[in-house]
């Protein structure tokens, strides 16, 4: 049985909410104030995100941080 890591869960949820809002990774990065490649790295679970950046991304998506951490 394989379980997803917290990075995979977070990244998948970022991608889900971003696509629901119909915005690109670059647009989300601009709104959140992070580098455009950073969003892709987050969505692919390649980057260990800080709490500050979690907050920025959640605010940019208009969701609570908790929404990005649920399976």
N, C-alpha and C. Protein backbone atom coordinates (compact mmCIF):
# COMPACT_ATOMS: atom_id res chain seq x y z
N UNK A 1 0.85 -1.17 0.00
CA UNK A 1 0.00 0.00 0.00
C UNK A 1 0.90 1.24 0.00
N UNK A 2 0.64 2.12 -0.94
CA UNK A 2 1.44 3.33 -1.07
C UNK A 2 0.61 4.55 -0.65
N UNK A 3 1.19 5.37 0.18
CA UNK A 3 0.48 6.58 0.58
C UNK A 3 1.24 7.79 0.06
N UNK A 4 0.51 8.83 -0.26
CA UNK A 4 1.12 10.04 -0.79
C UNK A 4 1.80 10.82 0.32
N UNK A 5 2.91 11.44 -0.03
CA UNK A 5 3.59 12.30 0.93
C UNK A 5 2.81 13.61 1.07
N UNK A 6 3.10 14.33 2.12
CA UNK A 6 2.45 15.62 2.35
C UNK A 6 2.75 16.58 1.19
N UNK A 7 3.94 16.47 0.60
CA UNK A 7 4.28 17.33 -0.54
C UNK A 7 3.43 16.99 -1.76
N UNK A 8 3.17 15.70 -1.97
CA UNK A 8 2.33 15.28 -3.10
C UNK A 8 0.88 15.72 -2.89
N UNK A 9 0.40 15.60 -1.66
CA UNK A 9 -0.97 16.02 -1.35
C UNK A 9 -1.10 17.52 -1.56
N UNK A 10 -0.17 18.29 -0.99
CA UNK A 10 -0.22 19.75 -1.12
C UNK A 10 -0.14 20.15 -2.59
N UNK A 11 0.83 19.61 -3.30
CA UNK A 11 1.00 19.96 -4.72
C UNK A 11 -0.20 19.61 -5.56
N UNK A 12 -0.79 18.44 -5.31
CA UNK A 12 -1.98 18.04 -6.06
C UNK A 12 -3.15 18.96 -5.79
N UNK A 13 -3.29 19.39 -4.55
CA UNK A 13 -4.38 20.31 -4.21
C UNK A 13 -4.15 21.70 -4.79
N UNK A 14 -2.91 22.16 -4.80
CA UNK A 14 -2.61 23.45 -5.43
C UNK A 14 -3.03 23.39 -6.91
N UNK A 15 -2.64 22.32 -7.57
CA UNK A 15 -2.98 22.17 -8.99
C UNK A 15 -4.49 22.10 -9.19
N UNK A 16 -5.19 21.35 -8.33
CA UNK A 16 -6.64 21.22 -8.44
C UNK A 16 -7.33 22.58 -8.32
N UNK A 17 -7.00 23.33 -7.28
CA UNK A 17 -7.63 24.64 -7.09
C UNK A 17 -7.22 25.63 -8.18
N UNK A 18 -5.99 25.55 -8.63
CA UNK A 18 -5.52 26.45 -9.70
C UNK A 18 -6.31 26.20 -10.97
N UNK A 19 -6.49 24.93 -11.30
CA UNK A 19 -7.24 24.59 -12.52
C UNK A 19 -8.71 24.95 -12.39
N UNK A 20 -9.27 24.77 -11.19
CA UNK A 20 -10.67 25.17 -10.97
C UNK A 20 -10.85 26.66 -11.22
N UNK A 21 -9.85 27.45 -10.87
CA UNK A 21 -9.91 28.91 -11.05
C UNK A 21 -9.50 29.32 -12.46
N UNK A 22 -9.06 28.31 -13.24
CA UNK A 22 -8.67 28.54 -14.64
C UNK A 22 -7.55 29.58 -14.76
N UNK A 23 -6.53 29.40 -13.92
CA UNK A 23 -5.36 30.27 -14.01
C UNK A 23 -4.11 29.41 -14.25
N UNK A 24 -3.15 29.99 -14.93
CA UNK A 24 -1.91 29.29 -15.22
C UNK A 24 -0.99 29.29 -14.00
N UNK A 25 0.04 28.46 -14.07
CA UNK A 25 1.04 28.46 -13.01
C UNK A 25 1.68 29.83 -12.90
N UNK A 26 1.94 30.45 -14.03
CA UNK A 26 2.56 31.77 -14.03
C UNK A 26 1.65 32.82 -13.39
N UNK A 27 0.36 32.76 -13.69
CA UNK A 27 -0.58 33.71 -13.10
C UNK A 27 -0.66 33.51 -11.58
N UNK A 28 -0.69 32.26 -11.14
CA UNK A 28 -0.73 31.99 -9.71
C UNK A 28 0.54 32.50 -9.04
N UNK A 29 1.68 32.29 -9.68
CA UNK A 29 2.95 32.78 -9.12
C UNK A 29 2.93 34.29 -8.97
N UNK A 30 2.41 34.98 -9.98
CA UNK A 30 2.33 36.45 -9.92
C UNK A 30 1.43 36.91 -8.76
N UNK A 31 0.29 36.28 -8.61
CA UNK A 31 -0.65 36.64 -7.55
C UNK A 31 -0.03 36.36 -6.17
N UNK A 32 0.65 35.22 -6.06
CA UNK A 32 1.22 34.81 -4.77
C UNK A 32 2.55 35.50 -4.46
N UNK A 33 3.17 36.09 -5.47
CA UNK A 33 4.45 36.76 -5.24
C UNK A 33 5.62 35.79 -5.13
N UNK A 34 5.56 34.70 -5.90
CA UNK A 34 6.66 33.75 -5.93
C UNK A 34 7.13 33.59 -7.38
N UNK A 35 8.26 32.94 -7.57
CA UNK A 35 8.79 32.75 -8.92
C UNK A 35 7.91 31.78 -9.70
N UNK A 36 7.80 32.00 -10.99
CA UNK A 36 6.89 31.19 -11.81
C UNK A 36 7.25 29.71 -11.82
N UNK A 37 8.54 29.37 -11.79
CA UNK A 37 8.92 27.95 -11.80
C UNK A 37 8.63 27.26 -10.46
N UNK A 38 8.50 28.06 -9.42
CA UNK A 38 8.26 27.52 -8.07
C UNK A 38 6.93 26.79 -8.01
N UNK A 39 5.90 27.32 -8.65
CA UNK A 39 4.57 26.69 -8.62
C UNK A 39 4.63 25.31 -9.26
N UNK A 40 5.30 25.18 -10.38
CA UNK A 40 5.44 23.88 -11.03
C UNK A 40 6.17 22.89 -10.14
N UNK A 41 7.20 23.36 -9.47
CA UNK A 41 7.96 22.49 -8.57
C UNK A 41 7.10 22.05 -7.39
N UNK A 42 6.25 22.94 -6.90
CA UNK A 42 5.34 22.60 -5.80
C UNK A 42 4.33 21.55 -6.28
N UNK A 43 3.75 21.78 -7.45
CA UNK A 43 2.74 20.86 -7.97
C UNK A 43 3.33 19.48 -8.24
N UNK A 44 4.60 19.40 -8.59
CA UNK A 44 5.26 18.11 -8.84
C UNK A 44 5.91 17.53 -7.58
N UNK A 45 5.70 18.17 -6.43
CA UNK A 45 6.24 17.73 -5.14
C UNK A 45 7.77 17.66 -5.15
N UNK A 46 8.40 18.59 -5.86
CA UNK A 46 9.85 18.63 -5.95
C UNK A 46 10.47 19.61 -4.96
N UNK A 47 9.65 20.40 -4.31
CA UNK A 47 10.13 21.45 -3.42
C UNK A 47 9.47 21.32 -2.06
N UNK A 48 10.28 21.43 -1.01
CA UNK A 48 9.75 21.43 0.35
C UNK A 48 9.36 22.87 0.68
N UNK A 49 8.08 23.14 0.67
CA UNK A 49 7.55 24.50 0.78
C UNK A 49 7.57 25.00 2.23
N UNK A 50 7.82 26.29 2.40
CA UNK A 50 7.80 26.89 3.73
C UNK A 50 6.37 27.27 4.12
N UNK A 51 6.16 27.47 5.40
CA UNK A 51 4.83 27.90 5.86
C UNK A 51 4.44 29.24 5.28
N UNK A 52 5.39 30.14 5.15
CA UNK A 52 5.08 31.46 4.57
C UNK A 52 4.59 31.33 3.14
N UNK A 53 5.26 30.49 2.36
CA UNK A 53 4.84 30.31 0.97
C UNK A 53 3.54 29.53 0.86
N UNK A 54 3.30 28.63 1.81
CA UNK A 54 2.00 27.94 1.84
C UNK A 54 0.89 28.97 2.02
N UNK A 55 1.12 29.91 2.93
CA UNK A 55 0.13 30.95 3.18
C UNK A 55 -0.08 31.83 1.95
N UNK A 56 1.01 32.22 1.29
CA UNK A 56 0.90 33.04 0.08
C UNK A 56 0.08 32.34 -1.01
N UNK A 57 0.36 31.07 -1.21
CA UNK A 57 -0.33 30.31 -2.26
C UNK A 57 -1.79 30.11 -1.89
N UNK A 58 -2.06 29.77 -0.64
CA UNK A 58 -3.46 29.60 -0.21
C UNK A 58 -4.24 30.89 -0.41
N UNK A 59 -3.67 32.02 0.00
CA UNK A 59 -4.35 33.31 -0.18
C UNK A 59 -4.57 33.60 -1.65
N UNK A 60 -3.58 33.32 -2.47
CA UNK A 60 -3.71 33.58 -3.91
C UNK A 60 -4.81 32.72 -4.53
N UNK A 61 -5.01 31.53 -3.99
CA UNK A 61 -6.06 30.65 -4.50
C UNK A 61 -7.40 30.91 -3.83
N UNK A 62 -7.41 31.70 -2.76
CA UNK A 62 -8.65 32.01 -2.06
C UNK A 62 -9.16 30.85 -1.22
N UNK A 63 -8.23 30.04 -0.69
CA UNK A 63 -8.60 28.90 0.14
C UNK A 63 -7.82 28.94 1.46
N UNK A 64 -8.25 28.16 2.43
CA UNK A 64 -7.51 28.02 3.67
C UNK A 64 -6.33 27.08 3.44
N UNK A 65 -5.26 27.27 4.19
CA UNK A 65 -4.12 26.36 4.10
C UNK A 65 -4.58 24.92 4.33
N UNK A 66 -5.48 24.73 5.26
CA UNK A 66 -5.97 23.37 5.57
C UNK A 66 -6.57 22.68 4.35
N UNK A 67 -7.20 23.46 3.47
CA UNK A 67 -7.79 22.89 2.25
C UNK A 67 -6.72 22.28 1.34
N UNK A 68 -5.51 22.80 1.44
CA UNK A 68 -4.42 22.31 0.59
C UNK A 68 -3.71 21.10 1.18
N UNK A 69 -4.08 20.73 2.40
CA UNK A 69 -3.40 19.63 3.09
C UNK A 69 -4.25 18.37 3.23
N UNK A 70 -5.48 18.41 2.77
CA UNK A 70 -6.36 17.24 2.92
C UNK A 70 -6.26 16.34 1.69
N UNK A 71 -6.33 15.04 1.95
CA UNK A 71 -6.27 14.05 0.86
C UNK A 71 -7.50 14.10 0.01
